Amino acid sequence: MARKSFQTGIVLNKKTKDKIFICGMLFLPICSFLVFYVYTNLNSILIAFQIPSSSDSYTWGIDHFLTMFKEFSLSGSVLSSALKNTMLFFFSGILITFPLSFVLCYFIYKKIAGYRFFRVVFYLPNIISASVIAILFKYMIAGNGPISVLYAWTGKEIPNFLSNSSYAMGTLIFYNIFFGLGGNIILFSGAMSNIDNGIIEAAKIDGVGMMTEMIKIIIPLMWPTMSTVLLFQFIGIFNASGPILLLTKGAYDTFTLSYWIYDRVAFSSDLNYPAAVGLFFTIIGAQLAMFFRWVLTRGLEDVA
């Protein structure tokens, strides 16, 4: 029933009040989306084409993109090294982390001996702060840490894993692989737990082994989840990065594209050049994401 307000004299029914409440709740997130996503991205596109000519004026052009292509053609450029490192992180995630997390999740699903212990080991990094994990990792590989002590038993000189260009990138990739397993395992465990046990029991009766079961039964049944995880990795192909800010801050040839852009924006007044680089790789990444979405969707249709 309508209720009259003695203060304003306005009659509001329940439906109107609900609409006012919903609009009030959505006002702040919508404003945040418009300011921090729409405006920020549109502005970054515009400044990628702006060429400052003085302190208060600028012209329009593609000079920043030409500078980017020229830098790629130079041997030993930071941008070329950043792209190479980005691809190393990406392919290590696709070719190592993804299949390894699936295999580990399958053995946990089959309840091998000690599976509860391994489940905790792989889940734990996902519920602990990334900064805490990075500090623990740095301690473990420090000169007096347990990893270095074990390494010293071989009689070789203990390397500076994070302070040497020969080891720093490999150390970051190892960190990314090991501590990136838990996220995929959580998703894969949920998908495997929804598989009908009757299908697995029928396969056992037919004499299907673990390898055949994993490849011909488990993968097709959980392919929607696996394809989604793969698609997200392809979408972020040029955002692939490790804990660079926490461990090396880009030193010792560990720059990636995303960290290079962050470093230029945070510690330089020139925003136009990193905006142009970001826009270029966003366009390339969007095309690759659409292509791999088409490929993975076709795979999903074949499974269905």
Protein backbone atom coordinates (compact mmCIF):
# COMPACT_ATOMS: atom_id res chain seq x y z
CA MET A 1 0.00 0.00 0.00
CA ALA A 2 1.07 3.55 -0.65
CA ARG A 3 2.62 5.32 2.27
CA LYS A 4 2.70 9.09 2.69
CA SER A 5 5.77 10.88 4.01
CA PHE A 6 4.91 13.61 6.54
CA GLN A 7 8.17 15.41 5.75
CA THR A 8 7.79 15.76 1.97
CA GLY A 9 4.23 14.85 1.25
CA ILE A 10 5.41 12.50 -1.54
CA VAL A 11 3.60 9.20 -1.95
CA LEU A 12 5.92 6.29 -2.77
CA ASN A 13 4.80 2.75 -3.38
CA LYS A 14 6.99 -0.31 -2.76
CA LYS A 15 8.01 -0.73 -6.39
CA THR A 16 9.25 2.87 -6.60
CA LYS A 17 11.17 2.50 -3.36
CA ASP A 18 12.83 -0.65 -4.68
CA LYS A 19 13.90 1.16 -7.84
CA ILE A 20 15.32 4.07 -5.82
CA PHE A 21 17.23 1.63 -3.59
CA ILE A 22 18.66 -0.27 -6.58
CA CYS A 23 19.70 2.96 -8.31
CA GLY A 24 21.36 4.16 -5.13
CA MET A 25 23.28 0.89 -4.73
CA LEU A 26 24.41 0.92 -8.36
CA PHE A 27 25.37 4.60 -8.49
CA LEU A 28 28.85 4.24 -6.98
CA PRO A 29 29.99 1.16 -8.96
CA ILE A 30 28.67 2.63 -12.22
CA CYS A 31 30.53 5.89 -11.57
CA SER A 32 33.66 3.91 -10.72
CA PHE A 33 33.33 1.91 -13.95
CA LEU A 34 32.85 5.05 -16.06
CA VAL A 35 35.78 6.91 -14.49
CA PHE A 36 38.36 4.18 -13.90
CA TYR A 37 37.61 1.94 -16.89
CA VAL A 38 35.82 3.81 -19.68
CA TYR A 39 37.47 7.22 -19.25
CA THR A 40 40.90 5.78 -18.39
CA ASN A 41 40.99 3.48 -21.42
CA LEU A 42 39.64 6.09 -23.82
CA ASN A 43 42.18 8.60 -22.55
CA SER A 44 45.02 6.08 -22.91
CA ILE A 45 43.99 5.54 -26.56
CA LEU A 46 44.04 9.28 -27.22
CA ILE A 47 47.40 9.97 -25.58
CA ALA A 48 48.96 7.17 -27.61
CA PHE A 49 48.55 9.43 -30.67
CA GLN A 50 49.49 12.68 -28.94
CA ILE A 51 52.96 14.09 -29.62
CA PRO A 52 53.91 16.75 -27.08
CA SER A 53 55.32 19.83 -28.81
CA SER A 54 55.56 22.05 -25.74
CA SER A 55 54.48 22.06 -22.11
CA ASP A 56 50.91 23.01 -22.98
CA SER A 57 50.33 21.79 -26.53
CA TYR A 58 50.65 18.69 -28.64
CA THR A 59 50.14 17.41 -32.16
CA TRP A 60 48.63 14.19 -33.43
CA GLY A 61 50.52 11.41 -35.16
CA ILE A 62 51.88 7.87 -35.05
CA ASP A 63 55.43 8.76 -34.05
CA HIS A 64 55.25 6.68 -30.86
CA PHE A 65 54.31 3.56 -32.84
CA LEU A 66 57.18 4.18 -35.28
CA THR A 67 59.53 4.55 -32.31
CA MET A 68 58.26 1.23 -30.95
CA PHE A 69 58.91 -0.61 -34.24
CA LYS A 70 62.34 0.98 -34.48
CA GLU A 71 63.17 -0.16 -30.93
CA PHE A 72 62.12 -3.71 -31.78
CA SER A 73 64.58 -3.71 -34.66
CA LEU A 74 67.47 -2.83 -32.35
CA SER A 75 69.42 -5.71 -30.86
CA GLY A 76 69.41 -5.84 -27.08
CA SER A 77 66.57 -3.35 -26.64
CA VAL A 78 64.63 -3.50 -23.37
CA LEU A 79 61.31 -3.75 -25.20
CA SER A 80 62.47 -6.77 -27.24
CA SER A 81 63.73 -8.45 -24.08
CA ALA A 82 60.42 -7.66 -22.35
CA LEU A 83 58.45 -9.29 -25.19
CA LYS A 84 60.69 -12.38 -25.08
CA ASN A 85 60.27 -12.72 -21.32
CA THR A 86 56.50 -12.26 -21.64
CA MET A 87 56.36 -15.13 -24.12
CA LEU A 88 58.47 -17.28 -21.79
CA PHE A 89 55.96 -16.73 -18.99
CA PHE A 90 53.03 -17.38 -21.31
CA PHE A 91 54.34 -20.61 -22.85
CA SER A 92 55.54 -21.92 -19.49
CA GLY A 93 51.97 -21.45 -18.24
CA ILE A 94 50.42 -23.14 -21.29
CA LEU A 95 52.93 -25.95 -21.80
CA ILE A 96 53.95 -26.70 -18.20
CA THR A 97 51.63 -25.25 -15.56
CA PHE A 98 48.38 -26.12 -17.32
CA PRO A 99 49.07 -29.82 -18.13
CA LEU A 100 50.98 -30.40 -14.87
CA SER A 101 48.14 -29.00 -12.76
CA PHE A 102 45.68 -31.24 -14.62
CA VAL A 103 47.79 -34.36 -14.03
CA LEU A 104 48.27 -33.52 -10.35
CA CYS A 105 44.57 -32.83 -9.96
CA TYR A 106 43.77 -36.17 -11.59
CA PHE A 107 45.95 -38.07 -9.11
CA ILE A 108 44.33 -36.17 -6.24
CA TYR A 109 40.96 -37.07 -7.74
CA LYS A 110 42.00 -40.74 -7.77
CA LYS A 111 42.92 -40.40 -4.05
CA ILE A 112 46.47 -41.64 -4.24
CA ALA A 113 48.43 -42.13 -1.02
CA GLY A 114 48.96 -38.76 0.67
CA TYR A 115 46.54 -36.93 -1.61
CA ARG A 116 45.22 -34.80 1.26
CA PHE A 117 48.75 -33.57 2.03
CA PHE A 118 49.43 -32.68 -1.61
CA ARG A 119 46.08 -30.93 -1.90
CA VAL A 120 46.97 -28.67 1.02
CA VAL A 121 50.47 -28.02 -0.38
CA PHE A 122 49.11 -26.84 -3.71
CA TYR A 123 46.11 -24.97 -2.29
CA LEU A 124 48.03 -23.11 0.42
CA PRO A 125 49.72 -20.47 -1.81
CA ASN A 126 46.29 -19.36 -3.03
CA ILE A 127 45.07 -18.41 0.44
CA ILE A 128 48.28 -16.71 1.59
CA SER A 129 49.21 -13.19 0.57
CA ALA A 130 51.44 -13.03 -2.52
CA SER A 131 53.87 -10.74 -0.69
CA VAL A 132 54.23 -13.29 2.12
CA ILE A 133 54.87 -16.10 -0.37
CA ALA A 134 57.48 -13.96 -2.15
CA ILE A 135 59.27 -13.19 1.13
CA LEU A 136 59.34 -16.88 2.07
CA PHE A 137 60.62 -17.78 -1.39
CA LYS A 138 63.40 -15.18 -1.20
CA TYR A 139 64.44 -16.57 2.18
CA MET A 140 64.50 -20.14 0.88
CA ILE A 141 66.85 -19.30 -1.99
CA ALA A 142 68.96 -16.76 -0.07
CA GLY A 143 72.64 -17.42 0.62
CA ASN A 144 71.85 -19.00 3.99
CA GLY A 145 68.50 -20.46 3.01
CA PRO A 146 67.64 -24.18 2.80
CA ILE A 147 67.80 -24.36 -1.01
CA SER A 148 71.25 -22.80 -1.09
CA VAL A 149 72.43 -25.14 1.69
CA LEU A 150 71.27 -28.15 -0.31
CA TYR A 151 72.90 -26.72 -3.41
CA ALA A 152 76.17 -26.28 -1.50
CA TRP A 153 76.25 -30.02 -0.77
CA THR A 154 77.02 -30.58 -4.44
CA GLY A 155 80.31 -28.77 -3.94
CA LYS A 156 79.47 -26.02 -6.40
CA GLU A 157 79.42 -22.30 -5.79
CA ILE A 158 76.03 -21.06 -4.63
CA PRO A 159 74.55 -18.82 -7.35
CA ASN A 160 72.66 -15.62 -6.71
CA PHE A 161 69.34 -16.82 -8.04
CA LEU A 162 67.69 -13.38 -8.11
CA SER A 163 70.80 -11.24 -8.57
CA ASN A 164 72.28 -12.88 -11.66
CA SER A 165 71.03 -12.53 -15.22
CA SER A 166 71.83 -16.18 -15.87
CA TYR A 167 69.47 -17.41 -13.13
CA ALA A 168 66.96 -14.64 -12.39
CA MET A 169 64.53 -15.31 -15.25
CA GLY A 170 64.59 -19.07 -14.74
CA THR A 171 63.96 -18.57 -11.02
CA LEU A 172 60.92 -16.38 -11.73
CA ILE A 173 59.52 -18.92 -14.18
CA PHE A 174 59.96 -21.69 -11.61
CA TYR A 175 58.18 -19.53 -9.02
CA ASN A 176 55.34 -18.87 -11.47
CA ILE A 177 54.94 -22.55 -12.31
CA PHE A 178 55.05 -23.92 -8.78
CA PHE A 179 52.84 -21.30 -7.16
CA GLY A 180 50.52 -21.15 -10.16
CA LEU A 181 49.48 -24.79 -9.89
CA GLY A 182 46.99 -24.26 -7.08
CA GLY A 183 44.63 -21.97 -8.99
CA ASN A 184 44.15 -24.44 -11.83
CA ILE A 185 43.89 -27.37 -9.41
CA ILE A 186 41.02 -25.67 -7.60
CA LEU A 187 39.11 -25.21 -10.86
CA PHE A 188 39.92 -28.68 -12.18
CA SER A 189 38.97 -30.31 -8.87
CA GLY A 190 35.55 -28.73 -9.04
CA ALA A 191 35.05 -29.98 -12.59
CA MET A 192 36.24 -33.51 -11.77
CA SER A 193 34.03 -33.74 -8.69
CA ASN A 194 30.98 -33.17 -10.91
CA ILE A 195 31.76 -36.16 -13.14
CA ASP A 196 29.20 -38.93 -12.76
CA ASN A 197 30.79 -41.81 -10.83
CA GLY A 198 28.69 -44.22 -12.88
CA ILE A 199 30.74 -43.37 -15.96
CA ILE A 200 33.99 -44.05 -14.13
CA GLU A 201 32.68 -47.34 -12.72
CA ALA A 202 31.50 -48.44 -16.16
CA ALA A 203 34.96 -47.69 -17.56
CA LYS A 204 36.56 -49.81 -14.82
CA ILE A 205 34.27 -52.72 -15.67
CA ASP A 206 35.37 -52.42 -19.29
CA GLY A 207 39.00 -52.62 -18.18
CA VAL A 208 39.94 -49.03 -18.96
CA GLY A 209 43.33 -48.05 -17.50
CA MET A 210 44.18 -44.78 -15.77
CA MET A 211 45.87 -43.25 -18.82
CA THR A 212 42.95 -44.06 -21.12
CA GLU A 213 40.49 -42.89 -18.50
CA MET A 214 42.31 -39.60 -18.10
CA ILE A 215 42.61 -38.86 -21.83
CA LYS A 216 39.39 -40.30 -23.27
CA ILE A 217 36.94 -39.82 -20.40
CA ILE A 218 38.09 -37.17 -17.92
CA ILE A 219 39.33 -34.60 -20.44
CA PRO A 220 36.21 -34.66 -22.68
CA LEU A 221 33.88 -34.46 -19.67
CA MET A 222 35.68 -31.48 -18.15
CA TRP A 223 36.64 -29.80 -21.42
CA PRO A 224 34.29 -26.79 -20.84
CA THR A 225 36.30 -25.89 -17.73
CA MET A 226 39.65 -26.58 -19.36
CA SER A 227 38.78 -24.57 -22.46
CA THR A 228 37.69 -21.63 -20.29
CA VAL A 229 41.00 -21.68 -18.40
CA LEU A 230 42.91 -21.84 -21.69
CA LEU A 231 40.87 -19.01 -23.15
CA PHE A 232 41.64 -16.74 -20.19
CA GLN A 233 45.33 -17.49 -20.61
CA PHE A 234 45.19 -16.60 -24.31
CA ILE A 235 43.26 -13.41 -23.53
CA GLY A 236 46.07 -12.32 -21.22
CA ILE A 237 48.87 -13.46 -23.50
CA PHE A 238 50.72 -10.12 -23.36
CA ASN A 239 49.91 -9.63 -19.69
CA ALA A 240 51.72 -12.83 -18.76
CA SER A 241 54.11 -11.94 -15.99
CA GLY A 242 55.59 -13.24 -12.78
CA PRO A 243 56.21 -11.70 -9.36
CA ILE A 244 58.70 -9.24 -10.83
CA LEU A 245 57.70 -6.33 -8.62
CA LEU A 246 58.10 -8.44 -5.49
CA LEU A 247 61.33 -10.23 -6.39
CA THR A 248 63.50 -8.37 -8.93
CA LYS A 249 61.76 -5.10 -9.92
CA GLY A 250 62.78 -5.74 -13.51
CA ALA A 251 66.49 -6.00 -12.82
CA TYR A 252 68.79 -8.65 -14.33
CA ASP A 253 66.87 -8.88 -17.64
CA THR A 254 63.53 -9.78 -16.07
CA PHE A 255 61.35 -7.08 -17.63
CA THR A 256 58.05 -8.16 -19.17
CA LEU A 257 55.74 -6.00 -21.27
CA SER A 258 53.28 -5.40 -18.45
CA TYR A 259 56.04 -4.53 -15.98
CA TRP A 260 57.81 -2.35 -18.54
CA ILE A 261 54.61 -0.32 -19.02
CA TYR A 262 54.13 -0.09 -15.25
CA ASP A 263 57.72 1.04 -14.76
CA ARG A 264 57.45 3.73 -17.45
CA VAL A 265 54.15 5.03 -16.12
CA ALA A 266 55.22 4.98 -12.47
CA PHE A 267 58.71 6.45 -12.81
CA SER A 268 58.53 8.57 -15.95
CA SER A 269 56.54 11.62 -17.00
CA ASP A 270 56.22 10.26 -20.55
CA LEU A 271 52.88 8.48 -20.70
CA ASN A 272 52.44 8.65 -24.48
CA TYR A 273 54.99 6.04 -25.48
CA PRO A 274 53.86 3.29 -23.02
CA ALA A 275 50.25 4.08 -24.00
CA ALA A 276 51.12 3.43 -27.66
CA VAL A 277 52.88 0.17 -26.79
CA GLY A 278 49.95 -0.94 -24.66
CA LEU A 279 47.43 -0.08 -27.38
CA PHE A 280 49.39 -1.96 -30.04
CA PHE A 281 49.65 -5.16 -28.01
CA THR A 282 46.02 -4.84 -26.88
CA ILE A 283 44.90 -4.88 -30.52
CA ILE A 284 47.15 -7.86 -31.33
CA GLY A 285 46.05 -9.68 -28.18
CA ALA A 286 42.36 -9.11 -28.94
CA GLN A 287 42.76 -10.68 -32.39
CA LEU A 288 44.60 -13.68 -30.96
CA ALA A 289 41.97 -14.07 -28.23
CA MET A 290 39.14 -14.09 -30.79
CA PHE A 291 40.99 -16.67 -32.89
CA PHE A 292 41.67 -19.02 -29.99
CA ARG A 293 38.11 -18.54 -28.75
CA TRP A 294 36.93 -19.79 -32.15
CA VAL A 295 39.35 -22.75 -31.98
CA LEU A 296 38.34 -23.71 -28.42
CA THR A 297 34.64 -23.27 -29.17
CA ARG A 298 34.94 -25.67 -32.11
CA GLY A 299 36.66 -28.14 -29.78
CA LEU A 300 33.81 -27.74 -27.30
CA GLU A 301 31.23 -28.39 -30.04
CA ASP A 302 33.10 -31.53 -31.12
CA VAL A 303 33.08 -32.81 -27.52
CA ALA A 304 29.37 -32.03 -27.17
